[in-house]
C-alpha atoms as a PDB file:
ATOM      1  CA  LYS A   1     -39.676  13.280  28.928  1.00  0.00           C
ATOM      2  CA  LEU A   2     -43.319  14.856  29.227  1.00  0.00           C
ATOM      3  CA  GLU A   3     -44.584  12.064  27.354  1.00  0.00           C
ATOM      4  CA  SER A   4     -43.046   9.760  29.810  1.00  0.00           C
ATOM      5  CA  GLU A   5     -44.543  11.467  32.874  1.00  0.00           C
ATOM      6  CA  PHE A   6     -48.168  12.299  31.492  1.00  0.00           C
ATOM      7  CA  SER A   7     -51.144  11.240  29.284  1.00  0.00           C
ATOM      8  CA  ILE A   8     -51.051  14.310  26.759  1.00  0.00           C
ATOM      9  CA  THR A   9     -53.918  15.516  24.800  1.00  0.00           C
ATOM     10  CA  LEU A  10     -54.929  18.173  22.291  1.00  0.00           C
ATOM     11  CA  ARG A  11     -57.435  20.749  24.170  1.00  0.00           C
ATOM     12  CA  GLU A  12     -57.723  23.089  21.728  1.00  0.00           C
ATOM     13  CA  CYS A  13     -55.758  24.738  18.921  1.00  0.00           C
ATOM     14  CA  ARG A  14     -57.028  28.448  17.552  1.00  0.00           C
ATOM     15  CA  ASP A  15     -55.635  31.849  17.524  1.00  0.00           C
ATOM     16  CA  GLY A  16     -52.236  30.562  16.792  1.00  0.00           C
ATOM     17  CA  GLN A  17     -52.026  28.538  20.334  1.00  0.00           C
ATOM     18  CA  VAL A  18     -52.522  25.072  20.964  1.00  0.00           C
ATOM     19  CA  GLU A  19     -53.729  23.602  24.395  1.00  0.00           C
ATOM     20  CA  LEU A  20     -52.369  20.216  25.524  1.00  0.00           C
ATOM     21  CA  ASP A  21     -54.167  18.199  28.801  1.00  0.00           C
ATOM     22  CA  LEU A  22     -51.559  16.490  30.681  1.00  0.00           C
ATOM     23  CA  LEU A  23     -52.791  13.807  32.758  1.00  0.00           C
ATOM     24  CA  PRO A  24     -50.296  12.319  35.277  1.00  0.00           C
ATOM     25  CA  LYS A  25     -49.655   8.867  34.674  1.00  0.00           C
ATOM     26  CA  GLN A  26     -48.751   8.154  38.675  1.00  0.00           C
ATOM     27  CA  SER A  27     -50.565   9.309  41.557  1.00  0.00           C
ATOM     28  CA  ALA A  28     -50.178  13.277  42.128  1.00  0.00           C
ATOM     29  CA  SER A  29     -51.516  15.942  44.316  1.00  0.00           C
ATOM     30  CA  TYR A  30     -53.292  17.461  41.191  1.00  0.00           C
ATOM     31  CA  GLU A  31     -56.075  16.105  38.602  1.00  0.00           C
ATOM     32  CA  ARG A  32     -54.576  17.496  35.312  1.00  0.00           C
ATOM     33  CA  LEU A  33     -51.757  20.220  33.831  1.00  0.00           C
ATOM     34  CA  GLY A  34     -52.951  22.299  30.995  1.00  0.00           C
ATOM     35  CA  LEU A  35     -50.257  24.159  28.644  1.00  0.00           C
ATOM     36  CA  ARG A  36     -50.827  26.615  26.212  1.00  0.00           C
ATOM     37  CA  ALA A  37     -48.301  27.433  23.513  1.00  0.00           C
ATOM     38  CA  ASP A  38     -47.893  30.046  21.096  1.00  0.00           C
ATOM     39  CA  LEU A  39     -47.609  27.791  17.976  1.00  0.00           C
ATOM     40  CA  GLU A  40     -44.903  30.033  15.957  1.00  0.00           C
ATOM     41  CA  THR A  41     -42.566  30.093  18.759  1.00  0.00           C
ATOM     42  CA  GLY A  42     -43.366  27.381  21.125  1.00  0.00           C
ATOM     43  CA  GLN A  43     -43.274  29.644  24.248  1.00  0.00           C
ATOM     44  CA  ILE A  44     -45.387  28.728  27.190  1.00  0.00           C
ATOM     45  CA  VAL A  45     -48.390  31.343  27.355  1.00  0.00           C
ATOM     46  CA  ALA A  46     -50.519  30.056  29.865  1.00  0.00           C
ATOM     47  CA  THR A  47     -50.691  27.089  32.501  1.00  0.00           C
ATOM     48  CA  THR A  48     -53.635  25.360  34.478  1.00  0.00           C
ATOM     49  CA  ILE A  49     -53.772  23.213  37.428  1.00  0.00           C
ATOM     50  CA  ALA A  50     -56.842  21.390  38.375  1.00  0.00           C
ATOM     51  CA  ASP A  51     -56.318  20.084  41.850  1.00  0.00           C
ATOM     52  CA  LEU A  52     -57.913  16.951  43.602  1.00  0.00           C
ATOM     53  CA  PHE A  53     -60.458  19.356  45.357  1.00  0.00           C
ATOM     54  CA  GLY A  54     -61.785  20.681  41.975  1.00  0.00           C
ATOM     55  CA  ASN A  55     -59.989  24.159  42.281  1.00  0.00           C
ATOM     56  CA  THR A  56     -58.147  25.723  38.983  1.00  0.00           C
ATOM     57  CA  THR A  57     -55.391  27.631  39.243  1.00  0.00           C
ATOM     58  CA  ARG A  58     -54.506  29.681  35.736  1.00  0.00           C
ATOM     59  CA  VAL A  59     -51.525  31.346  35.027  1.00  0.00           C
ATOM     60  CA  VAL A  60     -51.035  33.890  31.925  1.00  0.00           C
ATOM     61  CA  PHE A  61     -47.600  35.109  31.281  1.00  0.00           C
ATOM     62  CA  GLU A  62     -48.041  38.460  29.575  1.00  0.00           C
ATOM     63  CA  ASP A  63     -44.507  40.945  28.372  1.00  0.00           C
ATOM     64  CA  LEU A  64     -41.785  38.055  28.592  1.00  0.00           C
ATOM     65  CA  ARG A  65     -38.736  39.214  28.334  1.00  0.00           C
ATOM     66  CA  PHE A  66     -35.966  36.706  27.774  1.00  0.00           C
ATOM     67  CA  ASP A  67     -31.934  37.362  28.141  1.00  0.00           C
ATOM     68  CA  ARG A  68     -32.038  39.908  31.101  1.00  0.00           C
ATOM     69  CA  LYS A  69     -29.341  40.460  33.319  1.00  0.00           C
ATOM     70  CA  PRO A  70     -30.616  41.386  36.218  1.00  0.00           C
ATOM     71  CA  ALA A  71     -28.439  42.914  38.957  1.00  0.00           C
ATOM     72  CA  ALA A  72     -27.351  40.212  41.719  1.00  0.00           C
ATOM     73  CA  SER A  73     -28.600  42.695  44.327  1.00  0.00           C
ATOM     74  CA  ASN A  74     -32.542  42.216  43.092  1.00  0.00           C
ATOM     75  CA  PHE A  75     -31.887  38.845  44.663  1.00  0.00           C
ATOM     76  CA  ARG A  76     -31.230  39.168  48.400  1.00  0.00           C
ATOM     77  CA  PHE A  77     -32.569  36.931  51.167  1.00  0.00           C
ATOM     78  CA  GLU A  78     -32.490  37.715  54.885  1.00  0.00           C
ATOM     79  CA  ALA A  79     -33.475  34.463  57.104  1.00  0.00           C
ATOM     80  CA  PRO A  80     -35.873  35.566  59.983  1.00  0.00           C
ATOM     81  CA  ALA A  81     -34.691  35.822  63.449  1.00  0.00           C
ATOM     82  CA  GLY A  82     -34.021  32.235  65.150  1.00  0.00           C
ATOM     83  CA  VAL A  83     -33.595  30.527  61.651  1.00  0.00           C
ATOM     84  CA  ASP A  84     -30.650  27.988  61.453  1.00  0.00           C
ATOM     85  CA  VAL A  85     -29.145  28.807  58.216  1.00  0.00           C
ATOM     86  CA  ILE A  86     -27.189  25.660  56.539  1.00  0.00           C
ATOM     87  CA  ASP A  87     -24.541  27.112  53.848  1.00  0.00           C
ATOM     88  CA  LEU A  88     -24.101  24.695  51.631  1.00  0.00           C
ATOM     89  CA  ASP A  89     -21.199  26.367  49.630  1.00  0.00           C
ATOM     90  CA  GLU A  90     -19.331  25.330  52.850  1.00  0.00           C
ATOM     91  CA  THR A  91     -19.871  21.503  52.444  1.00  0.00           C
ATOM     92  CA  ARG A  92     -18.000  21.527  49.562  1.00  0.00           C
END
Protein backbone atom coordinates (compact mmCIF):
# COMPACT_ATOMS: atom_id res chain seq x y z
CA LYS A 1 0.00 0.00 0.00
CA LEU A 2 2.81 2.46 0.79
CA GLU A 3 4.22 2.10 -2.71
CA SER A 4 0.93 3.21 -4.26
CA GLU A 5 0.92 6.44 -2.21
CA PHE A 6 4.64 7.25 -1.95
CA SER A 7 7.92 7.16 -3.84
CA ILE A 8 10.17 5.32 -1.39
CA THR A 9 13.95 5.61 -1.22
CA LEU A 10 16.50 4.16 1.16
CA ARG A 11 18.07 6.95 3.17
CA GLU A 12 20.29 4.95 5.51
CA CYS A 13 20.92 1.43 6.74
CA ARG A 14 23.16 1.03 9.80
CA ASP A 15 23.25 -0.05 13.44
CA GLY A 16 20.51 -2.63 12.83
CA GLN A 17 18.05 -0.03 11.55
CA VAL A 18 16.83 1.17 8.19
CA GLU A 19 15.58 4.66 7.38
CA LEU A 20 13.28 5.32 4.45
CA ASP A 21 12.22 8.57 2.78
CA LEU A 22 8.61 8.65 1.61
CA LEU A 23 7.70 11.32 -0.91
CA PRO A 24 3.97 11.66 -1.57
CA LYS A 25 2.96 10.95 -5.17
CA GLN A 26 0.08 13.43 -4.94
CA SER A 27 -0.16 16.92 -3.44
CA ALA A 28 0.05 16.82 0.34
CA SER A 29 0.30 19.20 3.29
CA TYR A 30 3.89 18.03 3.89
CA GLU A 31 7.03 17.61 1.81
CA ARG A 32 8.18 14.18 2.95
CA LEU A 33 7.86 11.54 5.64
CA GLY A 34 10.62 9.47 7.17
CA LEU A 35 10.38 6.05 8.78
CA ARG A 36 13.12 4.37 10.81
CA ALA A 37 12.58 0.69 11.55
CA ASP A 38 14.41 -2.07 13.36
CA LEU A 39 15.77 -4.50 10.74
CA GLU A 40 15.21 -7.57 12.92
CA THR A 41 11.67 -6.91 14.16
CA GLY A 42 10.32 -4.48 11.54
CA GLN A 43 9.02 -2.25 14.32
CA ILE A 44 8.94 1.49 13.64
CA VAL A 45 11.35 3.20 16.05
CA ALA A 46 11.11 6.78 14.76
CA THR A 47 9.20 8.95 12.30
CA THR A 48 9.85 12.35 10.81
CA ILE A 49 7.70 14.76 8.87
CA ALA A 50 9.06 17.68 6.87
CA ASP A 51 6.34 20.25 6.26
CA LEU A 52 6.01 22.73 3.41
CA PHE A 53 7.46 25.54 5.57
CA GLY A 54 10.80 23.80 6.12
CA ASN A 55 10.02 22.55 9.63
CA THR A 56 10.92 18.98 10.59
CA THR A 57 9.27 17.10 13.43
CA ARG A 58 10.81 13.87 14.71
CA VAL A 59 9.07 11.39 16.99
CA VAL A 60 11.13 8.61 18.60
CA PHE A 61 9.40 5.58 20.09
CA GLU A 62 11.11 4.12 23.17
CA ASP A 63 10.25 1.47 25.74
CA LEU A 64 7.45 0.08 23.55
CA ARG A 65 5.17 -2.50 25.11
CA PHE A 66 2.61 -4.48 23.17
CA ASP A 67 -0.51 -6.50 23.96
CA ARG A 68 -1.28 -4.44 27.04
CA LYS A 69 -4.83 -4.40 28.33
CA PRO A 70 -5.40 -0.95 29.85
CA ALA A 71 -8.54 -0.41 31.90
CA ALA A 72 -11.43 1.25 30.08
CA SER A 73 -11.41 3.90 32.81
CA ASN A 74 -8.09 5.19 31.37
CA PHE A 75 -10.04 6.45 28.35
CA ARG A 76 -12.59 8.93 29.59
CA PHE A 77 -13.79 11.94 27.63
CA GLU A 78 -15.79 14.78 29.06
CA ALA A 79 -17.13 17.25 26.50
CA PRO A 80 -16.65 20.90 27.43
CA ALA A 81 -19.77 22.90 28.31
CA GLY A 82 -21.70 24.06 25.25
CA VAL A 83 -20.39 21.37 22.90
CA ASP A 84 -22.93 19.29 20.97
CA VAL A 85 -22.18 15.57 21.23
CA ILE A 86 -23.49 13.16 18.60
CA ASP A 87 -23.80 9.59 19.85
CA LEU A 88 -23.05 7.44 16.79
CA ASP A 89 -24.29 4.30 18.56
CA GLU A 90 -27.82 5.75 18.54
CA THR A 91 -27.83 5.98 14.74
CA ARG A 92 -27.19 2.28 14.14
